[in-house]
PDB file of N, CA and C in Angstrom:
ATOM      1  N   MET A   1     207.771 337.322  50.210  1.00  0.00           N
ATOM      2  CA  MET A   1     207.098 336.502  48.813  1.00  0.00           C
ATOM      3  C   MET A   1     206.740 335.976  48.049  1.00  0.00           C
ATOM      4  N   LYS A   2     206.123 335.878  47.406  1.00  0.00           N
ATOM      5  CA  LYS A   2     205.788 334.400  46.746  1.00  0.00           C
ATOM      6  C   LYS A   2     206.218 333.552  46.341  1.00  0.00           C
ATOM      7  N   ILE A   3     206.438 332.553  46.266  1.00  0.00           N
ATOM      8  CA  ILE A   3     206.934 331.312  45.424  1.00  0.00           C
ATOM      9  C   ILE A   3     206.883 331.579  44.064  1.00  0.00           C
ATOM     10  N   THR A   4     205.576 331.723  43.461  1.00  0.00           N
ATOM     11  CA  THR A   4     205.986 332.589  42.231  1.00  0.00           C
ATOM     12  C   THR A   4     206.887 332.984  41.496  1.00  0.00           C
ATOM     13  N   ASN A   5     206.645 334.283  42.194  1.00  0.00           N
ATOM     14  CA  ASN A   5     207.918 334.872  42.078  1.00  0.00           C
ATOM     15  C   ASN A   5     209.142 334.705  41.648  1.00  0.00           C
ATOM     16  N   PHE A   6     209.462 334.171  43.584  1.00  0.00           N
ATOM     17  CA  PHE A   6     211.199 333.271  43.757  1.00  0.00           C
ATOM     18  C   PHE A   6     211.285 332.455  42.557  1.00  0.00           C
ATOM     19  N   LEU A   7     210.573 331.743  42.101  1.00  0.00           N
ATOM     20  CA  LEU A   7     210.743 330.543  41.223  1.00  0.00           C
ATOM     21  C   LEU A   7     211.128 331.590  39.775  1.00  0.00           C
ATOM     22  N   LYS A   8     209.869 332.513  39.286  1.00  0.00           N
ATOM     23  CA  LYS A   8     210.613 333.404  38.198  1.00  0.00           C
ATOM     24  C   LYS A   8     211.857 334.628  38.503  1.00  0.00           C
ATOM     25  N   ARG A   9     212.212 334.515  39.436  1.00  0.00           N
ATOM     26  CA  ARG A   9     213.655 335.490  40.021  1.00  0.00           C
ATOM     27  C   ARG A   9     214.768 334.368  39.616  1.00  0.00           C
ATOM     28  N   LEU A  10     214.820 332.820  39.876  1.00  0.00           N
ATOM     29  CA  LEU A  10     215.395 331.816  39.807  1.00  0.00           C
ATOM     30  C   LEU A  10     215.198 331.531  38.432  1.00  0.00           C
ATOM     31  N   VAL A  11     214.838 331.381  37.693  1.00  0.00           N
ATOM     32  CA  VAL A  11     214.622 331.327  36.266  1.00  0.00           C
ATOM     33  C   VAL A  11     215.012 332.000  35.671  1.00  0.00           C
ATOM     34  N   PHE A  12     214.911 333.339  35.965  1.00  0.00           N
ATOM     35  CA  PHE A  12     215.121 333.911  35.225  1.00  0.00           C
ATOM     36  C   PHE A  12     216.768 334.876  34.983  1.00  0.00           C
ATOM     37  N   GLY A  13     217.181 333.998  35.989  1.00  0.00           N
ATOM     38  CA  GLY A  13     218.661 334.477  36.093  1.00  0.00           C
ATOM     39  C   GLY A  13     219.008 335.518  37.723  1.00  0.00           C
ATOM     40  N   ASP A  14     218.189 336.347  37.976  1.00  0.00           N
ATOM     41  CA  ASP A  14     217.840 337.651  39.091  1.00  0.00           C
ATOM     42  C   ASP A  14     218.706 336.446  40.230  1.00  0.00           C
ATOM     43  N   LYS A  15     219.299 337.319  41.327  1.00  0.00           N
ATOM     44  CA  LYS A  15     219.920 337.196  42.315  1.00  0.00           C
ATOM     45  C   LYS A  15     218.802 336.421  44.263  1.00  0.00           C
ATOM     46  N   ALA A  16     217.841 336.008  43.601  1.00  0.00           N
ATOM     47  CA  ALA A  16     216.866 335.680  44.331  1.00  0.00           C
ATOM     48  C   ALA A  16     218.122 335.465  46.466  1.00  0.00           C
ATOM     49  N   THR A  17     218.301 334.416  46.521  1.00  0.00           N
ATOM     50  CA  THR A  17     219.153 334.379  47.384  1.00  0.00           C
ATOM     51  C   THR A  17     220.523 335.151  47.964  1.00  0.00           C
ATOM     52  N   ASP A  18     220.292 336.193  47.479  1.00  0.00           N
ATOM     53  CA  ASP A  18     221.768 336.971  47.526  1.00  0.00           C
ATOM     54  C   ASP A  18     221.211 337.610  49.595  1.00  0.00           C
ATOM     55  N   GLY A  19     222.684 337.176  49.538  1.00  0.00           N
ATOM     56  CA  GLY A  19     222.785 337.841  50.788  1.00  0.00           C
ATOM     57  C   GLY A  19     223.377 337.859  52.004  1.00  0.00           C
ATOM     58  N   SER A  20     224.233 337.769  52.934  1.00  0.00           N
ATOM     59  CA  SER A  20     226.121 337.434  53.315  1.00  0.00           C
ATOM     60  C   SER A  20     225.008 336.326  54.180  1.00  0.00           C
ATOM     61  N   ALA A  21     224.271 335.925  54.774  1.00  0.00           N
ATOM     62  CA  ALA A  21     223.911 334.294  55.458  1.00  0.00           C
ATOM     63  C   ALA A  21     224.149 333.206  54.252  1.00  0.00           C
ATOM     64  N   VAL A  22     223.655 333.660  53.192  1.00  0.00           N
ATOM     65  CA  VAL A  22     223.541 332.780  52.422  1.00  0.00           C
ATOM     66  C   VAL A  22     225.165 331.861  52.220  1.00  0.00           C
ATOM     67  N   ASN A  23     226.175 333.123  51.608  1.00  0.00           N
ATOM     68  CA  ASN A  23     227.748 332.746  51.351  1.00  0.00           C
ATOM     69  C   ASN A  23     228.283 332.454  53.021  1.00  0.00           C
ATOM     70  N   LEU A  24     227.877 332.655  53.952  1.00  0.00           N
ATOM     71  CA  LEU A  24     227.988 332.271  55.353  1.00  0.00           C
ATOM     72  C   LEU A  24     228.082 330.428  55.097  1.00  0.00           C
ATOM     73  N   ARG A  25     227.050 330.799  55.319  1.00  0.00           N
ATOM     74  CA  ARG A  25     226.543 328.878  54.960  1.00  0.00           C
ATOM     75  C   ARG A  25     226.744 328.122  54.075  1.00  0.00           C
ATOM     76  N   ASN A  26     227.809 328.402  53.149  1.00  0.00           N
ATOM     77  CA  ASN A  26     228.223 327.600  51.814  1.00  0.00           C
ATOM     78  C   ASN A  26     229.610 327.952  51.783  1.00  0.00           C
ATOM     79  N   VAL A  27     230.146 328.621  52.839  1.00  0.00           N
ATOM     80  CA  VAL A  27     231.569 328.850  53.356  1.00  0.00           C
ATOM     81  C   VAL A  27     231.476 327.254  54.367  1.00  0.00           C
ATOM     82  N   VAL A  28     230.795 327.221  55.333  1.00  0.00           N
ATOM     83  CA  VAL A  28     230.202 326.518  56.829  1.00  0.00           C
ATOM     84  C   VAL A  28     230.233 325.204  56.204  1.00  0.00           C
ATOM     85  N   VAL A  29     229.040 325.130  55.001  1.00  0.00           N
ATOM     86  CA  VAL A  29     228.933 323.842  54.088  1.00  0.00           C
ATOM     87  C   VAL A  29     229.937 323.148  53.478  1.00  0.00           C
ATOM     88  N   TRP A  30     230.820 323.650  52.627  1.00  0.00           N
ATOM     89  CA  TRP A  30     231.989 323.766  52.138  1.00  0.00           C
ATOM     90  C   TRP A  30     233.592 323.194  53.165  1.00  0.00           C
ATOM     91  N   LEU A  31     233.757 323.612  54.159  1.00  0.00           N
ATOM     92  CA  LEU A  31     234.895 323.393  55.747  1.00  0.00           C
ATOM     93  C   LEU A  31     234.816 322.223  56.290  1.00  0.00           C
ATOM     94  N   PHE A  32     232.775 322.231  56.335  1.00  0.00           N
ATOM     95  CA  PHE A  32     232.340 320.787  56.866  1.00  0.00           C
ATOM     96  C   PHE A  32     232.721 319.475  55.909  1.00  0.00           C
ATOM     97  N   ILE A  33     232.393 319.668  53.952  1.00  0.00           N
ATOM     98  CA  ILE A  33     232.726 318.356  53.178  1.00  0.00           C
ATOM     99  C   ILE A  33     234.222 318.502  53.270  1.00  0.00           C
ATOM    100  N   ALA A  34     235.060 319.570  53.466  1.00  0.00           N
ATOM    101  CA  ALA A  34     236.723 319.197  53.148  1.00  0.00           C
ATOM    102  C   ALA A  34     236.896 318.206  54.178  1.00  0.00           C
ATOM    103  N   MET A  35     236.546 318.887  55.317  1.00  0.00           N
ATOM    104  CA  MET A  35     237.513 317.806  57.262  1.00  0.00           C
ATOM    105  C   MET A  35     236.732 316.935  56.963  1.00  0.00           C
ATOM    106  N   VAL A  36     235.588 316.309  56.325  1.00  0.00           N
ATOM    107  CA  VAL A  36     235.022 314.899  56.797  1.00  0.00           C
ATOM    108  C   VAL A  36     235.767 313.862  55.305  1.00  0.00           C
ATOM    109  N   ALA A  37     236.085 314.759  54.149  1.00  0.00           N
ATOM    110  CA  ALA A  37     236.777 314.047  52.890  1.00  0.00           C
ATOM    111  C   ALA A  37     238.037 313.925  53.914  1.00  0.00           C
ATOM    112  N   ALA A  38     239.084 314.695  54.385  1.00  0.00           N
ATOM    113  CA  ALA A  38     240.535 314.476  54.803  1.00  0.00           C
ATOM    114  C   ALA A  38     240.015 313.280  55.992  1.00  0.00           C
ATOM    115  N   PHE A  39     239.064 313.781  57.128  1.00  0.00           N
ATOM    116  CA  PHE A  39     239.873 312.567  57.950  1.00  0.00           C
ATOM    117  C   PHE A  39     238.885 310.825  57.378  1.00  0.00           C
ATOM    118  N   LEU A  40     238.172 310.875  55.921  1.00  0.00           N
ATOM    119  CA  LEU A  40     238.562 309.793  55.277  1.00  0.00           C
ATOM    120  C   LEU A  40     239.315 309.140  54.963  1.00  0.00           C
ATOM    121  N   THR A  41     240.280 310.229  54.344  1.00  0.00           N
ATOM    122  CA  THR A  41     241.350 309.332  53.312  1.00  0.00           C
ATOM    123  C   THR A  41     242.556 309.361  53.979  1.00  0.00           C
ATOM    124  N   HIS A  42     243.131 310.215  55.329  1.00  0.00           N
ATOM    125  CA  HIS A  42     243.510 309.855  56.016  1.00  0.00           C
ATOM    126  C   HIS A  42     243.370 309.320  57.622  1.00  0.00           C
ATOM    127  N   PRO A  43     243.556 307.713  57.312  1.00  0.00           N
ATOM    128  CA  PRO A  43     243.490 307.009  58.900  1.00  0.00           C
ATOM    129  C   PRO A  43     244.343 307.739  59.936  1.00  0.00           C
ATOM    130  N   ALA A  44     244.080 307.427  60.694  1.00  0.00           N
ATOM    131  CA  ALA A  44     244.521 307.774  62.922  1.00  0.00           C
ATOM    132  C   ALA A  44     245.373 306.640  62.769  1.00  0.00           C
ATOM    133  N   GLY A  45     245.368 305.344  62.501  1.00  0.00           N
ATOM    134  CA  GLY A  45     246.280 304.602  63.084  1.00  0.00           C
ATOM    135  C   GLY A  45     246.422 303.587  61.909  1.00  0.00           C
ATOM    136  N   GLU A  46     247.374 302.476  62.137  1.00  0.00           N
ATOM    137  CA  GLU A  46     247.818 301.979  61.670  1.00  0.00           C
ATOM    138  C   GLU A  46     246.593 300.419  61.723  1.00  0.00           C
ATOM    139  N   GLN A  47     246.042 299.790  61.149  1.00  0.00           N
ATOM    140  CA  GLN A  47     245.281 299.183  60.776  1.00  0.00           C
ATOM    141  C   GLN A  47     245.442 297.627  60.388  1.00  0.00           C
ATOM    142  N   VAL A  48     245.181 296.990  60.848  1.00  0.00           N
ATOM    143  CA  VAL A  48     245.244 295.972  60.555  1.00  0.00           C
ATOM    144  C   VAL A  48     244.296 295.463  59.658  1.00  0.00           C
ATOM    145  N   SER A  49     244.166 294.774  59.144  1.00  0.00           N
ATOM    146  CA  SER A  49     243.023 293.950  57.982  1.00  0.00           C
ATOM    147  C   SER A  49     243.209 292.328  58.282  1.00  0.00           C
ATOM    148  N   MET A  50     242.111 291.899  58.137  1.00  0.00           N
ATOM    149  CA  MET A  50     242.661 290.362  57.961  1.00  0.00           C
ATOM    150  C   MET A  50     242.840 289.908  56.606  1.00  0.00           C
ATOM    151  N   PHE A  51     242.545 290.509  55.923  1.00  0.00           N
ATOM    152  CA  PHE A  51     243.323 289.956  54.439  1.00  0.00           C
ATOM    153  C   PHE A  51     245.148 290.636  53.627  1.00  0.00           C
ATOM    154  N   ASP A  52     245.492 290.475  55.171  1.00  0.00           N
ATOM    155  CA  ASP A  52     247.107 291.139  55.257  1.00  0.00           C
ATOM    156  C   ASP A  52     247.649 289.905  55.097  1.00  0.00           C
ATOM    157  N   LYS A  53     247.231 288.856  55.716  1.00  0.00           N
ATOM    158  CA  LYS A  53     247.849 287.227  55.673  1.00  0.00           C
ATOM    159  C   LYS A  53     246.881 286.141  54.732  1.00  0.00           C
ATOM    160  N   PRO A  54     248.113 285.068  54.669  1.00  0.00           N
ATOM    161  CA  PRO A  54     247.584 284.702  53.721  1.00  0.00           C
ATOM    162  C   PRO A  54     246.286 283.488  54.183  1.00  0.00           C
ATOM    163  N   ILE A  55     244.875 282.903  53.268  1.00  0.00           N
ATOM    164  CA  ILE A  55     244.477 281.956  53.868  1.00  0.00           C
ATOM    165  C   ILE A  55     244.884 280.535  54.569  1.00  0.00           C
ATOM    166  N   PRO A  56     244.270 280.083  55.229  1.00  0.00           N
ATOM    167  CA  PRO A  56     244.742 278.768  55.621  1.00  0.00           C
ATOM    168  C   PRO A  56     243.880 277.764  55.050  1.00  0.00           C
ATOM    169  N   LEU A  57     244.447 277.168  54.501  1.00  0.00           N
ATOM    170  CA  LEU A  57     244.128 275.705  53.083  1.00  0.00           C
ATOM    171  C   LEU A  57     244.529 274.636  53.743  1.00  0.00           C
ATOM    172  N   PRO A  58     243.011 273.619  53.862  1.00  0.00           N
ATOM    173  CA  PRO A  58     243.527 272.780  54.509  1.00  0.00           C
ATOM    174  C   PRO A  58     243.911 271.945  53.938  1.00  0.00           C
ATOM    175  N   ALA A  59     244.399 271.045  54.931  1.00  0.00           N
ATOM    176  CA  ALA A  59     246.551 269.918  54.428  1.00  0.00           C
ATOM    177  C   ALA A  59     245.365 269.145  53.353  1.00  0.00           C
ATOM    178  N   GLU A  60     244.197 269.225  53.348  1.00  0.00           N
ATOM    179  CA  GLU A  60     243.978 267.153  52.111  1.00  0.00           C
ATOM    180  C   GLU A  60     243.929 268.298  51.050  1.00  0.00           C
ATOM    181  N   LEU A  61     243.737 269.237  50.632  1.00  0.00           N
ATOM    182  CA  LEU A  61     244.384 269.277  49.022  1.00  0.00           C
ATOM    183  C   LEU A  61     245.568 269.777  48.801  1.00  0.00           C
ATOM    184  N   GLY A  62     246.601 269.581  49.273  1.00  0.00           N
ATOM    185  CA  GLY A  62     247.924 269.299  49.097  1.00  0.00           C
ATOM    186  C   GLY A  62     248.234 270.259  48.135  1.00  0.00           C
ATOM    187  N   LEU A  63     248.229 271.418  48.928  1.00  0.00           N
ATOM    188  CA  LEU A  63     249.109 272.746  47.997  1.00  0.00           C
ATOM    189  C   LEU A  63     250.065 273.219  48.734  1.00  0.00           C
ATOM    190  N   GLU A  64     250.362 272.622  49.589  1.00  0.00           N
ATOM    191  CA  GLU A  64     251.399 273.700  50.235  1.00  0.00           C
ATOM    192  C   GLU A  64     252.782 272.491  49.785  1.00  0.00           C
TER     193      GLU A  64
END
């Protein structure tokens, strides 16, 4: 198939990428995206941040 025919079919709404392989690829890609999102939004363990405790201020400021 020529590239120009492919582009014409895409522009006019014909299903140029019809097939079960395309559907399978789309399902695999969406599952991968969902797994990455799940792992990034739910961390595995309790992480201690350096921002959880107050910043130590020098005694010269007299703010204590």
